[in-house]
Amino acid sequence: MALGGLAARLISEIVAFDGPVAWEVLAGELWPDEDDVHLLRHKLDVTLSRLRSRLREANVRPDLVRSDGFGQVELFLHTGDELEDRT
């Protein structure tokens, strides 16, 4: 499966942080010129929803990109999972 656009940028940013990242920090990396926290949260939620939809369509497990319930977003890799970052 190959991703493009915002979905790819979102995954790439999470990979670059090499662990859980606060949603505000992640959203700030994706939309650096936006300072409205409510709009940033909305944009991130929409992007995450679209990404998860694409993952489901590709039969990728739903917890690959997950929130920890404390405002952190992370890429949750299992043993044997592979990631190829072509940025």
PDB file of N, CA and C in Angstrom:
ATOM      1  N   MET A   1       0.844  -1.175   0.000  1.00  0.00           N
ATOM      2  CA  MET A   1       0.000   0.000   0.000  1.00  0.00           C
ATOM      3  C   MET A   1       0.891   1.241   0.000  1.00  0.00           C
ATOM      4  N   ALA A   2       0.577   2.186  -0.846  1.00  0.00           N
ATOM      5  CA  ALA A   2       1.293   3.453  -0.902  1.00  0.00           C
ATOM      6  C   ALA A   2       0.332   4.572  -0.513  1.00  0.00           C
ATOM      7  N   LEU A   3       0.822   5.521   0.246  1.00  0.00           N
ATOM      8  CA  LEU A   3       0.030   6.674   0.656  1.00  0.00           C
ATOM      9  C   LEU A   3       0.609   7.924   0.022  1.00  0.00           C
ATOM     10  N   GLY A   4      -0.256   8.900  -0.212  1.00  0.00           N
ATOM     11  CA  GLY A   4       0.171  10.190  -0.721  1.00  0.00           C
ATOM     12  C   GLY A   4      -0.527  11.298   0.042  1.00  0.00           C
ATOM     13  N   GLY A   5      -0.194  12.521  -0.273  1.00  0.00           N
ATOM     14  CA  GLY A   5      -0.879  13.678   0.300  1.00  0.00           C
ATOM     15  C   GLY A   5      -0.716  13.802   1.807  1.00  0.00           C
ATOM     16  N   LEU A   6      -1.766  14.314   2.435  1.00  0.00           N
ATOM     17  CA  LEU A   6      -1.735  14.544   3.880  1.00  0.00           C
ATOM     18  C   LEU A   6      -1.570  13.257   4.674  1.00  0.00           C
ATOM     19  N   ALA A   7      -2.162  12.160   4.199  1.00  0.00           N
ATOM     20  CA  ALA A   7      -2.028  10.885   4.904  1.00  0.00           C
ATOM     21  C   ALA A   7      -0.554  10.479   4.989  1.00  0.00           C
ATOM     22  N   ALA A   8       0.156  10.630   3.882  1.00  0.00           N
ATOM     23  CA  ALA A   8       1.578  10.289   3.862  1.00  0.00           C
ATOM     24  C   ALA A   8       2.379  11.233   4.753  1.00  0.00           C
ATOM     25  N   ARG A   9       2.049  12.511   4.707  1.00  0.00           N
ATOM     26  CA  ARG A   9       2.753  13.484   5.565  1.00  0.00           C
ATOM     27  C   ARG A   9       2.522  13.186   7.030  1.00  0.00           C
ATOM     28  N   LEU A  10       1.273  12.836   7.375  1.00  0.00           N
ATOM     29  CA  LEU A  10       0.948  12.519   8.763  1.00  0.00           C
ATOM     30  C   LEU A  10       1.784  11.335   9.249  1.00  0.00           C
ATOM     31  N   ILE A  11       1.820  10.256   8.464  1.00  0.00           N
ATOM     32  CA  ILE A  11       2.614   9.083   8.830  1.00  0.00           C
ATOM     33  C   ILE A  11       4.091   9.461   8.928  1.00  0.00           C
ATOM     34  N   SER A  12       4.582  10.223   7.959  1.00  0.00           N
ATOM     35  CA  SER A  12       5.984  10.624   7.949  1.00  0.00           C
ATOM     36  C   SER A  12       6.346  11.440   9.187  1.00  0.00           C
ATOM     37  N   GLU A  13       5.480  12.351   9.584  1.00  0.00           N
ATOM     38  CA  GLU A  13       5.745  13.159  10.784  1.00  0.00           C
ATOM     39  C   GLU A  13       5.770  12.291  12.033  1.00  0.00           C
ATOM     40  N   ILE A  14       4.841  11.350  12.138  1.00  0.00           N
ATOM     41  CA  ILE A  14       4.824  10.456  13.303  1.00  0.00           C
ATOM     42  C   ILE A  14       6.109   9.636  13.341  1.00  0.00           C
ATOM     43  N   VAL A  15       6.531   9.129  12.188  1.00  0.00           N
ATOM     44  CA  VAL A  15       7.774   8.354  12.110  1.00  0.00           C
ATOM     45  C   VAL A  15       8.957   9.226  12.537  1.00  0.00           C
ATOM     46  N   ALA A  16       8.992  10.457  12.070  1.00  0.00           N
ATOM     47  CA  ALA A  16      10.100  11.350  12.396  1.00  0.00           C
ATOM     48  C   ALA A  16      10.202  11.604  13.898  1.00  0.00           C
ATOM     49  N   PHE A  17       9.079  11.625  14.594  1.00  0.00           N
ATOM     50  CA  PHE A  17       9.111  11.835  16.043  1.00  0.00           C
ATOM     51  C   PHE A  17       9.550  10.583  16.789  1.00  0.00           C
ATOM     52  N   ASP A  18       9.529   9.436  16.103  1.00  0.00           N
ATOM     53  CA  ASP A  18      10.019   8.180  16.661  1.00  0.00           C
ATOM     54  C   ASP A  18       9.360   7.813  17.988  1.00  0.00           C
ATOM     55  N   GLY A  19       8.062   8.025  18.069  1.00  0.00           N
ATOM     56  CA  GLY A  19       7.307   7.691  19.270  1.00  0.00           C
ATOM     57  C   GLY A  19       6.057   8.534  19.333  1.00  0.00           C
ATOM     58  N   PRO A  20       5.321   8.388  20.411  1.00  0.00           N
ATOM     59  CA  PRO A  20       4.089   9.178  20.554  1.00  0.00           C
ATOM     60  C   PRO A  20       4.383  10.675  20.491  1.00  0.00           C
ATOM     61  N   VAL A  21       3.449  11.396  19.874  1.00  0.00           N
ATOM     62  CA  VAL A  21       3.602  12.847  19.740  1.00  0.00           C
ATOM     63  C   VAL A  21       2.271  13.505  20.092  1.00  0.00           C
ATOM     64  N   ALA A  22       2.342  14.633  20.774  1.00  0.00           N
ATOM     65  CA  ALA A  22       1.132  15.369  21.141  1.00  0.00           C
ATOM     66  C   ALA A  22       0.406  15.808  19.876  1.00  0.00           C
ATOM     67  N   TRP A  23      -0.918  15.713  19.891  1.00  0.00           N
ATOM     68  CA  TRP A  23      -1.686  16.046  18.691  1.00  0.00           C
ATOM     69  C   TRP A  23      -1.421  17.474  18.253  1.00  0.00           C
ATOM     70  N   GLU A  24      -1.233  18.406  19.208  1.00  0.00           N
ATOM     71  CA  GLU A  24      -0.996  19.803  18.862  1.00  0.00           C
ATOM     72  C   GLU A  24       0.313  19.959  18.086  1.00  0.00           C
ATOM     73  N   VAL A  25       1.336  19.222  18.491  1.00  0.00           N
ATOM     74  CA  VAL A  25       2.632  19.287  17.830  1.00  0.00           C
ATOM     75  C   VAL A  25       2.517  18.702  16.426  1.00  0.00           C
ATOM     76  N   LEU A  26       1.860  17.555  16.327  1.00  0.00           N
ATOM     77  CA  LEU A  26       1.670  16.908  15.032  1.00  0.00           C
ATOM     78  C   LEU A  26       0.892  17.811  14.078  1.00  0.00           C
ATOM     79  N   ALA A  27      -0.213  18.360  14.545  1.00  0.00           N
ATOM     80  CA  ALA A  27      -1.030  19.243  13.711  1.00  0.00           C
ATOM     81  C   ALA A  27      -0.236  20.491  13.309  1.00  0.00           C
ATOM     82  N   GLY A  28       0.578  20.999  14.220  1.00  0.00           N
ATOM     83  CA  GLY A  28       1.400  22.165  13.916  1.00  0.00           C
ATOM     84  C   GLY A  28       2.416  21.900  12.813  1.00  0.00           C
ATOM     85  N   GLU A  29       2.904  20.674  12.736  1.00  0.00           N
ATOM     86  CA  GLU A  29       3.829  20.302  11.672  1.00  0.00           C
ATOM     87  C   GLU A  29       3.108  20.197  10.330  1.00  0.00           C
ATOM     88  N   LEU A  30       1.876  19.729  10.347  1.00  0.00           N
ATOM     89  CA  LEU A  30       1.112  19.561   9.109  1.00  0.00           C
ATOM     90  C   LEU A  30       0.554  20.882   8.583  1.00  0.00           C
ATOM     91  N   TRP A  31       0.161  21.774   9.486  1.00  0.00           N
ATOM     92  CA  TRP A  31      -0.420  23.061   9.107  1.00  0.00           C
ATOM     93  C   TRP A  31       0.284  24.174   9.898  1.00  0.00           C
ATOM     94  N   PRO A  32       1.523  24.484   9.549  1.00  0.00           N
ATOM     95  CA  PRO A  32       2.311  25.438  10.348  1.00  0.00           C
ATOM     96  C   PRO A  32       1.773  26.869  10.354  1.00  0.00           C
ATOM     97  N   ASP A  33       0.971  27.235   9.385  1.00  0.00           N
ATOM     98  CA  ASP A  33       0.463  28.610   9.331  1.00  0.00           C
ATOM     99  C   ASP A  33      -0.871  28.787  10.051  1.00  0.00           C
ATOM    100  N   GLU A  34      -1.418  27.710  10.584  1.00  0.00           N
ATOM    101  CA  GLU A  34      -2.715  27.766  11.267  1.00  0.00           C
ATOM    102  C   GLU A  34      -2.484  27.911  12.770  1.00  0.00           C
ATOM    103  N   ASP A  35      -3.120  28.914  13.388  1.00  0.00           N
ATOM    104  CA  ASP A  35      -2.941  29.095  14.827  1.00  0.00           C
ATOM    105  C   ASP A  35      -4.231  28.893  15.630  1.00  0.00           C
ATOM    106  N   ASP A  36      -5.325  28.593  14.956  1.00  0.00           N
ATOM    107  CA  ASP A  36      -6.593  28.316  15.642  1.00  0.00           C
ATOM    108  C   ASP A  36      -6.595  26.859  16.101  1.00  0.00           C
ATOM    109  N   VAL A  37      -6.484  26.644  17.407  1.00  0.00           N
ATOM    110  CA  VAL A  37      -6.357  25.298  17.956  1.00  0.00           C
ATOM    111  C   VAL A  37      -7.569  24.417  17.620  1.00  0.00           C
ATOM    112  N   HIS A  38      -8.748  25.013  17.570  1.00  0.00           N
ATOM    113  CA  HIS A  38      -9.956  24.239  17.251  1.00  0.00           C
ATOM    114  C   HIS A  38      -9.950  23.801  15.788  1.00  0.00           C
ATOM    115  N   LEU A  39      -9.513  24.680  14.911  1.00  0.00           N
ATOM    116  CA  LEU A  39      -9.420  24.330  13.498  1.00  0.00           C
ATOM    117  C   LEU A  39      -8.318  23.284  13.273  1.00  0.00           C
ATOM    118  N   LEU A  40      -7.195  23.422  13.986  1.00  0.00           N
ATOM    119  CA  LEU A  40      -6.134  22.420  13.885  1.00  0.00           C
ATOM    120  C   LEU A  40      -6.644  21.046  14.310  1.00  0.00           C
ATOM    121  N   ARG A  41      -7.388  21.005  15.411  1.00  0.00           N
ATOM    122  CA  ARG A  41      -7.906  19.718  15.892  1.00  0.00           C
ATOM    123  C   ARG A  41      -8.869  19.124  14.867  1.00  0.00           C
ATOM    124  N   HIS A  42      -9.727  19.961  14.298  1.00  0.00           N
ATOM    125  CA  HIS A  42     -10.673  19.483  13.290  1.00  0.00           C
ATOM    126  C   HIS A  42      -9.929  18.928  12.072  1.00  0.00           C
ATOM    127  N   LYS A  43      -8.947  19.662  11.588  1.00  0.00           N
ATOM    128  CA  LYS A  43      -8.185  19.213  10.424  1.00  0.00           C
ATOM    129  C   LYS A  43      -7.478  17.886  10.702  1.00  0.00           C
ATOM    130  N   LEU A  44      -6.897  17.761  11.889  1.00  0.00           N
ATOM    131  CA  LEU A  44      -6.213  16.526  12.242  1.00  0.00           C
ATOM    132  C   LEU A  44      -7.200  15.367  12.346  1.00  0.00           C
ATOM    133  N   ASP A  45      -8.338  15.602  12.981  1.00  0.00           N
ATOM    134  CA  ASP A  45      -9.348  14.547  13.106  1.00  0.00           C
ATOM    135  C   ASP A  45      -9.833  14.072  11.735  1.00  0.00           C
ATOM    136  N   VAL A  46     -10.072  15.001  10.831  1.00  0.00           N
ATOM    137  CA  VAL A  46     -10.518  14.641   9.480  1.00  0.00           C
ATOM    138  C   VAL A  46      -9.428  13.849   8.757  1.00  0.00           C
ATOM    139  N   THR A  47      -8.191  14.300   8.869  1.00  0.00           N
ATOM    140  CA  THR A  47      -7.079  13.612   8.209  1.00  0.00           C
ATOM    141  C   THR A  47      -6.889  12.214   8.778  1.00  0.00           C
ATOM    142  N   LEU A  48      -6.972  12.066  10.100  1.00  0.00           N
ATOM    143  CA  LEU A  48      -6.864  10.745  10.724  1.00  0.00           C
ATOM    144  C   LEU A  48      -8.003   9.831  10.291  1.00  0.00           C
ATOM    145  N   SER A  49      -9.193  10.378  10.222  1.00  0.00           N
ATOM    146  CA  SER A  49     -10.348   9.584   9.797  1.00  0.00           C
ATOM    147  C   SER A  49     -10.177   9.083   8.367  1.00  0.00           C
ATOM    148  N   ARG A  50      -9.731   9.955   7.485  1.00  0.00           N
ATOM    149  CA  ARG A  50      -9.503   9.559   6.095  1.00  0.00           C
ATOM    150  C   ARG A  50      -8.386   8.530   5.984  1.00  0.00           C
ATOM    151  N   LEU A  51      -7.331   8.713   6.758  1.00  0.00           N
ATOM    152  CA  LEU A  51      -6.229   7.754   6.757  1.00  0.00           C
ATOM    153  C   LEU A  51      -6.714   6.389   7.233  1.00  0.00           C
ATOM    154  N   ARG A  52      -7.437   6.365   8.331  1.00  0.00           N
ATOM    155  CA  ARG A  52      -7.935   5.087   8.860  1.00  0.00           C
ATOM    156  C   ARG A  52      -8.875   4.414   7.878  1.00  0.00           C
ATOM    157  N   SER A  53      -9.657   5.191   7.160  1.00  0.00           N
ATOM    158  CA  SER A  53     -10.545   4.638   6.137  1.00  0.00           C
ATOM    159  C   SER A  53      -9.731   3.975   5.026  1.00  0.00           C
ATOM    160  N   ARG A  54      -8.686   4.647   4.587  1.00  0.00           N
ATOM    161  CA  ARG A  54      -7.821   4.075   3.543  1.00  0.00           C
ATOM    162  C   ARG A  54      -7.121   2.818   4.035  1.00  0.00           C
ATOM    163  N   LEU A  55      -6.704   2.820   5.294  1.00  0.00           N
ATOM    164  CA  LEU A  55      -6.066   1.629   5.859  1.00  0.00           C
ATOM    165  C   LEU A  55      -7.033   0.452   5.895  1.00  0.00           C
ATOM    166  N   ARG A  56      -8.271   0.729   6.308  1.00  0.00           N
ATOM    167  CA  ARG A  56      -9.291  -0.341   6.328  1.00  0.00           C
ATOM    168  C   ARG A  56      -9.524  -0.896   4.933  1.00  0.00           C
ATOM    169  N   GLU A  57      -9.634  -0.004   3.946  1.00  0.00           N
ATOM    170  CA  GLU A  57      -9.851  -0.431   2.561  1.00  0.00           C
ATOM    171  C   GLU A  57      -8.703  -1.305   2.057  1.00  0.00           C
ATOM    172  N   ALA A  58      -7.498  -1.092   2.571  1.00  0.00           N
ATOM    173  CA  ALA A  58      -6.328  -1.864   2.160  1.00  0.00           C
ATOM    174  C   ALA A  58      -6.099  -3.074   3.071  1.00  0.00           C
ATOM    175  N   ASN A  59      -7.059  -3.329   3.953  1.00  0.00           N
ATOM    176  CA  ASN A  59      -6.968  -4.452   4.903  1.00  0.00           C
ATOM    177  C   ASN A  59      -5.756  -4.346   5.828  1.00  0.00           C
ATOM    178  N   VAL A  60      -5.431  -3.120   6.207  1.00  0.00           N
ATOM    179  CA  VAL A  60      -4.380  -2.879   7.195  1.00  0.00           C
ATOM    180  C   VAL A  60      -5.072  -2.740   8.548  1.00  0.00           C
ATOM    181  N   ARG A  61      -4.473  -3.319   9.566  1.00  0.00           N
ATOM    182  CA  ARG A  61      -5.121  -3.332  10.885  1.00  0.00           C
ATOM    183  C   ARG A  61      -5.427  -1.911  11.372  1.00  0.00           C
ATOM    184  N   PRO A  62      -6.557  -1.748  12.046  1.00  0.00           N
ATOM    185  CA  PRO A  62      -7.043  -0.410  12.407  1.00  0.00           C
ATOM    186  C   PRO A  62      -6.219   0.312  13.471  1.00  0.00           C
ATOM    187  N   ASP A  63      -5.397  -0.387  14.224  1.00  0.00           N
ATOM    188  CA  ASP A  63      -4.640   0.284  15.283  1.00  0.00           C
ATOM    189  C   ASP A  63      -3.240   0.715  14.845  1.00  0.00           C
ATOM    190  N   LEU A  64      -2.966   0.714  13.549  1.00  0.00           N
ATOM    191  CA  LEU A  64      -1.649   1.129  13.073  1.00  0.00           C
ATOM    192  C   LEU A  64      -1.335   2.558  13.510  1.00  0.00           C
ATOM    193  N   VAL A  65      -2.282   3.456  13.328  1.00  0.00           N
ATOM    194  CA  VAL A  65      -2.162   4.826  13.828  1.00  0.00           C
ATOM    195  C   VAL A  65      -3.214   4.962  14.915  1.00  0.00           C
ATOM    196  N   ARG A  66      -2.750   5.214  16.119  1.00  0.00           N
ATOM    197  CA  ARG A  66      -3.696   5.240  17.233  1.00  0.00           C
ATOM    198  C   ARG A  66      -3.430   6.411  18.169  1.00  0.00           C
ATOM    199  N   SER A  67      -4.469   6.755  18.899  1.00  0.00           N
ATOM    200  CA  SER A  67      -4.379   7.766  19.951  1.00  0.00           C
ATOM    201  C   SER A  67      -4.304   7.026  21.276  1.00  0.00           C
ATOM    202  N   ASP A  68      -3.561   7.597  22.207  1.00  0.00           N
ATOM    203  CA  ASP A  68      -3.392   6.911  23.481  1.00  0.00           C
ATOM    204  C   ASP A  68      -4.403   7.331  24.545  1.00  0.00           C
ATOM    205  N   GLY A  69      -5.314   8.233  24.199  1.00  0.00           N
ATOM    206  CA  GLY A  69      -6.304   8.696  25.176  1.00  0.00           C
ATOM    207  C   GLY A  69      -5.819   9.854  26.029  1.00  0.00           C
ATOM    208  N   PHE A  70      -4.565  10.248  25.852  1.00  0.00           N
ATOM    209  CA  PHE A  70      -3.988  11.351  26.623  1.00  0.00           C
ATOM    210  C   PHE A  70      -3.461  12.452  25.716  1.00  0.00           C
ATOM    211  N   GLY A  71      -3.986  12.525  24.485  1.00  0.00           N
ATOM    212  CA  GLY A  71      -3.585  13.576  23.561  1.00  0.00           C
ATOM    213  C   GLY A  71      -2.374  13.243  22.713  1.00  0.00           C
ATOM    214  N   GLN A  72      -1.929  12.004  22.749  1.00  0.00           N
ATOM    215  CA  GLN A  72      -0.769  11.575  21.978  1.00  0.00           C
ATOM    216  C   GLN A  72      -1.224  10.701  20.808  1.00  0.00           C
ATOM    217  N   VAL A  73      -0.543  10.829  19.681  1.00  0.00           N
ATOM    218  CA  VAL A  73      -0.811   9.999  18.505  1.00  0.00           C
ATOM    219  C   VAL A  73       0.476   9.227  18.230  1.00  0.00           C
ATOM    220  N   GLU A  74       0.330   7.957  17.862  1.00  0.00           N
ATOM    221  CA  GLU A  74       1.522   7.158  17.604  1.00  0.00           C
ATOM    222  C   GLU A  74       1.293   6.156  16.493  1.00  0.00           C
ATOM    223  N   LEU A  75       2.397   5.716  15.905  1.00  0.00           N
ATOM    224  CA  LEU A  75       2.397   4.632  14.938  1.00  0.00           C
ATOM    225  C   LEU A  75       2.683   3.376  15.747  1.00  0.00           C
ATOM    226  N   PHE A  76       1.753   2.443  15.737  1.00  0.00           N
ATOM    227  CA  PHE A  76       1.859   1.248  16.569  1.00  0.00           C
ATOM    228  C   PHE A  76       2.252   0.063  15.695  1.00  0.00           C
ATOM    229  N   LEU A  77       3.549  -0.239  15.708  1.00  0.00           N
ATOM    230  CA  LEU A  77       4.066  -1.315  14.877  1.00  0.00           C
ATOM    231  C   LEU A  77       4.164  -2.606  15.681  1.00  0.00           C
ATOM    232  N   HIS A  78       3.759  -3.701  15.063  1.00  0.00           N
ATOM    233  CA  HIS A  78       3.904  -5.023  15.656  1.00  0.00           C
ATOM    234  C   HIS A  78       5.211  -5.635  15.159  1.00  0.00           C
ATOM    235  N   THR A  79       5.668  -6.674  15.825  1.00  0.00           N
ATOM    236  CA  THR A  79       6.834  -7.411  15.371  1.00  0.00           C
ATOM    237  C   THR A  79       6.570  -7.904  13.949  1.00  0.00           C
ATOM    238  N   GLY A  80       7.498  -7.659  13.082  1.00  0.00           N
ATOM    239  CA  GLY A  80       7.347  -8.073  11.686  1.00  0.00           C
ATOM    240  C   GLY A  80       6.786  -6.991  10.783  1.00  0.00           C
ATOM    241  N   ASP A  81       6.227  -5.927  11.360  1.00  0.00           N
ATOM    242  CA  ASP A  81       5.747  -4.815  10.534  1.00  0.00           C
ATOM    243  C   ASP A  81       6.942  -4.095   9.933  1.00  0.00           C
ATOM    244  N   GLU A  82       6.784  -3.628   8.718  1.00  0.00           N
ATOM    245  CA  GLU A  82       7.849  -2.889   8.053  1.00  0.00           C
ATOM    246  C   GLU A  82       7.321  -1.545   7.586  1.00  0.00           C
ATOM    247  N   LEU A  83       8.171  -0.558   7.637  1.00  0.00           N
ATOM    248  CA  LEU A  83       7.832   0.789   7.213  1.00  0.00           C
ATOM    249  C   LEU A  83       8.925   1.268   6.279  1.00  0.00           C
ATOM    250  N   GLU A  84       8.532   1.763   5.135  1.00  0.00           N
ATOM    251  CA  GLU A  84       9.489   2.327   4.192  1.00  0.00           C
ATOM    252  C   GLU A  84       9.172   3.805   4.028  1.00  0.00           C
ATOM    253  N   ASP A  85      10.013   4.643   4.592  1.00  0.00           N
ATOM    254  CA  ASP A  85       9.826   6.094   4.533  1.00  0.00           C
ATOM    255  C   ASP A  85      10.631   6.623   3.353  1.00  0.00           C
ATOM    256  N   ARG A  86       9.948   7.118   2.337  1.00  0.00           N
ATOM    257  CA  ARG A  86      10.615   7.619   1.139  1.00  0.00           C
ATOM    258  C   ARG A  86      10.644   9.145   1.076  1.00  0.00           C
ATOM    259  N   THR A  87      10.672   9.791   2.241  1.00  0.00           N
ATOM    260  CA  THR A  87      10.700  11.250   2.237  1.00  0.00           C
ATOM    261  C   THR A  87      12.083  11.770   2.000  1.00  0.00           C
TER     262      THR A  87
END
